[in-house]
């Protein structure tokens, strides 16, 4: 007997790992200490919105806007590309 998680939780649109620009920006940011995290706005499996927390140069910045499952990772990679373009 196991736990069926098929109908639990929110499924987010996955990030576009096939875009070479995303991979390059992500890799550069990780190697240079720029990290981006997604934080649920409520606890549990039923969360439908997240905020984004960027840590760069020892500072943490949390987005004032909440993002849903269809735009969360698009915004994350937009931020990775922003930091890559700004500091590379």
C-alpha atoms as a PDB file:
ATOM      1  CA  UNK A   1       0.000   0.000   0.000  1.00  0.00           C
ATOM      2  CA  UNK A   2       1.383   3.373  -0.998  1.00  0.00           C
ATOM      3  CA  UNK A   3       0.383   6.979  -1.117  1.00  0.00           C
ATOM      4  CA  UNK A   4      -1.267   8.150  -4.322  1.00  0.00           C
ATOM      5  CA  UNK A   5      -0.053  11.675  -5.075  1.00  0.00           C
ATOM      6  CA  UNK A   6      -1.535  11.754  -8.565  1.00  0.00           C
ATOM      7  CA  UNK A   7      -4.324  14.136  -7.583  1.00  0.00           C
ATOM      8  CA  UNK A   8      -2.421  16.095  -4.959  1.00  0.00           C
ATOM      9  CA  UNK A   9      -0.635  19.361  -5.403  1.00  0.00           C
ATOM     10  CA  UNK A  10      -0.208  21.818  -8.202  1.00  0.00           C
ATOM     11  CA  UNK A  11       1.694  20.991 -11.345  1.00  0.00           C
ATOM     12  CA  UNK A  12       3.814  23.861 -12.653  1.00  0.00           C
ATOM     13  CA  UNK A  13       4.686  24.401 -16.282  1.00  0.00           C
ATOM     14  CA  UNK A  14       8.279  23.093 -16.448  1.00  0.00           C
ATOM     15  CA  UNK A  15      11.210  25.381 -17.258  1.00  0.00           C
ATOM     16  CA  UNK A  16      12.497  25.531 -20.829  1.00  0.00           C
ATOM     17  CA  UNK A  17      15.760  23.596 -20.475  1.00  0.00           C
ATOM     18  CA  UNK A  18      15.978  23.267 -24.259  1.00  0.00           C
ATOM     19  CA  UNK A  19      16.820  26.957 -24.716  1.00  0.00           C
ATOM     20  CA  UNK A  20      20.638  27.325 -24.761  1.00  0.00           C
ATOM     21  CA  UNK A  21      20.327  30.905 -23.438  1.00  0.00           C
ATOM     22  CA  UNK A  22      18.532  29.609 -20.346  1.00  0.00           C
ATOM     23  CA  UNK A  23      21.184  26.978 -19.722  1.00  0.00           C
ATOM     24  CA  UNK A  24      24.052  29.423 -20.166  1.00  0.00           C
ATOM     25  CA  UNK A  25      22.473  32.059 -17.904  1.00  0.00           C
ATOM     26  CA  UNK A  26      21.539  29.472 -15.245  1.00  0.00           C
ATOM     27  CA  UNK A  27      25.029  27.967 -15.226  1.00  0.00           C
ATOM     28  CA  UNK A  28      26.732  31.350 -15.065  1.00  0.00           C
ATOM     29  CA  UNK A  29      24.519  32.508 -12.185  1.00  0.00           C
ATOM     30  CA  UNK A  30      25.057  29.357 -10.127  1.00  0.00           C
ATOM     31  CA  UNK A  31      28.821  29.567 -10.660  1.00  0.00           C
ATOM     32  CA  UNK A  32      28.848  33.228  -9.598  1.00  0.00           C
ATOM     33  CA  UNK A  33      26.683  32.974  -6.474  1.00  0.00           C
ATOM     34  CA  UNK A  34      23.403  34.236  -7.909  1.00  0.00           C
ATOM     35  CA  UNK A  35      20.629  31.920  -6.771  1.00  0.00           C
ATOM     36  CA  UNK A  36      16.913  32.081  -7.374  1.00  0.00           C
ATOM     37  CA  UNK A  37      14.399  30.246  -5.208  1.00  0.00           C
ATOM     38  CA  UNK A  38      10.649  29.854  -5.418  1.00  0.00           C
ATOM     39  CA  UNK A  39       8.794  30.100  -2.124  1.00  0.00           C
ATOM     40  CA  UNK A  40       5.217  28.896  -1.664  1.00  0.00           C
ATOM     41  CA  UNK A  41       2.809  31.520  -0.378  1.00  0.00           C
ATOM     42  CA  UNK A  42       0.895  28.923   1.676  1.00  0.00           C
ATOM     43  CA  UNK A  43       1.909  25.605   3.177  1.00  0.00           C
ATOM     44  CA  UNK A  44       0.732  22.265   1.913  1.00  0.00           C
ATOM     45  CA  UNK A  45       0.167  20.655  -1.447  1.00  0.00           C
ATOM     46  CA  UNK A  46      -2.615  23.029  -2.516  1.00  0.00           C
ATOM     47  CA  UNK A  47      -0.375  26.052  -3.076  1.00  0.00           C
ATOM     48  CA  UNK A  48      -1.206  27.832  -6.313  1.00  0.00           C
ATOM     49  CA  UNK A  49       1.085  30.869  -6.017  1.00  0.00           C
ATOM     50  CA  UNK A  50       4.741  31.492  -5.249  1.00  0.00           C
ATOM     51  CA  UNK A  51       7.070  34.427  -4.720  1.00  0.00           C
ATOM     52  CA  UNK A  52      10.608  34.501  -6.065  1.00  0.00           C
ATOM     53  CA  UNK A  53      13.648  35.143  -3.881  1.00  0.00           C
ATOM     54  CA  UNK A  54      16.901  36.213  -5.534  1.00  0.00           C
ATOM     55  CA  UNK A  55      20.162  36.063  -3.606  1.00  0.00           C
ATOM     56  CA  UNK A  56      22.991  38.044  -5.205  1.00  0.00           C
ATOM     57  CA  UNK A  57      26.030  39.734  -3.691  1.00  0.00           C
ATOM     58  CA  UNK A  58      24.923  38.618  -0.231  1.00  0.00           C
ATOM     59  CA  UNK A  59      21.527  40.346  -0.526  1.00  0.00           C
ATOM     60  CA  UNK A  60      18.156  38.631  -0.638  1.00  0.00           C
ATOM     61  CA  UNK A  61      15.379  40.240  -2.623  1.00  0.00           C
ATOM     62  CA  UNK A  62      11.849  38.824  -2.597  1.00  0.00           C
ATOM     63  CA  UNK A  63       9.447  39.651  -5.401  1.00  0.00           C
ATOM     64  CA  UNK A  64       6.443  41.750  -4.427  1.00  0.00           C
ATOM     65  CA  UNK A  65       4.364  39.875  -6.996  1.00  0.00           C
ATOM     66  CA  UNK A  66       3.050  36.330  -6.709  1.00  0.00           C
ATOM     67  CA  UNK A  67       3.377  33.959  -9.660  1.00  0.00           C
ATOM     68  CA  UNK A  68       1.115  31.109 -10.684  1.00  0.00           C
ATOM     69  CA  UNK A  69       1.998  27.654 -12.003  1.00  0.00           C
ATOM     70  CA  UNK A  70       2.008  28.765 -15.648  1.00  0.00           C
ATOM     71  CA  UNK A  71       4.358  31.738 -15.335  1.00  0.00           C
ATOM     72  CA  UNK A  72       6.604  30.869 -12.388  1.00  0.00           C
ATOM     73  CA  UNK A  73       9.550  29.287 -14.215  1.00  0.00           C
ATOM     74  CA  UNK A  74       9.313  31.698 -17.146  1.00  0.00           C
ATOM     75  CA  UNK A  75       9.944  34.492 -14.634  1.00  0.00           C
ATOM     76  CA  UNK A  76      12.729  32.563 -12.887  1.00  0.00           C
ATOM     77  CA  UNK A  77      14.635  32.156 -16.142  1.00  0.00           C
ATOM     78  CA  UNK A  78      13.921  35.744 -17.128  1.00  0.00           C
ATOM     79  CA  UNK A  79      15.695  36.714 -13.896  1.00  0.00           C
ATOM     80  CA  UNK A  80      18.620  34.332 -14.542  1.00  0.00           C
ATOM     81  CA  UNK A  81      19.055  35.926 -17.982  1.00  0.00           C
ATOM     82  CA  UNK A  82      18.787  39.418 -16.474  1.00  0.00           C
ATOM     83  CA  UNK A  83      21.598  38.784 -13.984  1.00  0.00           C
ATOM     84  CA  UNK A  84      23.697  37.033 -16.612  1.00  0.00           C
ATOM     85  CA  UNK A  85      23.335  39.947 -19.051  1.00  0.00           C
ATOM     86  CA  UNK A  86      23.923  42.578 -16.371  1.00  0.00           C
ATOM     87  CA  UNK A  87      27.038  41.100 -14.739  1.00  0.00           C
ATOM     88  CA  UNK A  88      28.650  38.884 -17.373  1.00  0.00           C
END
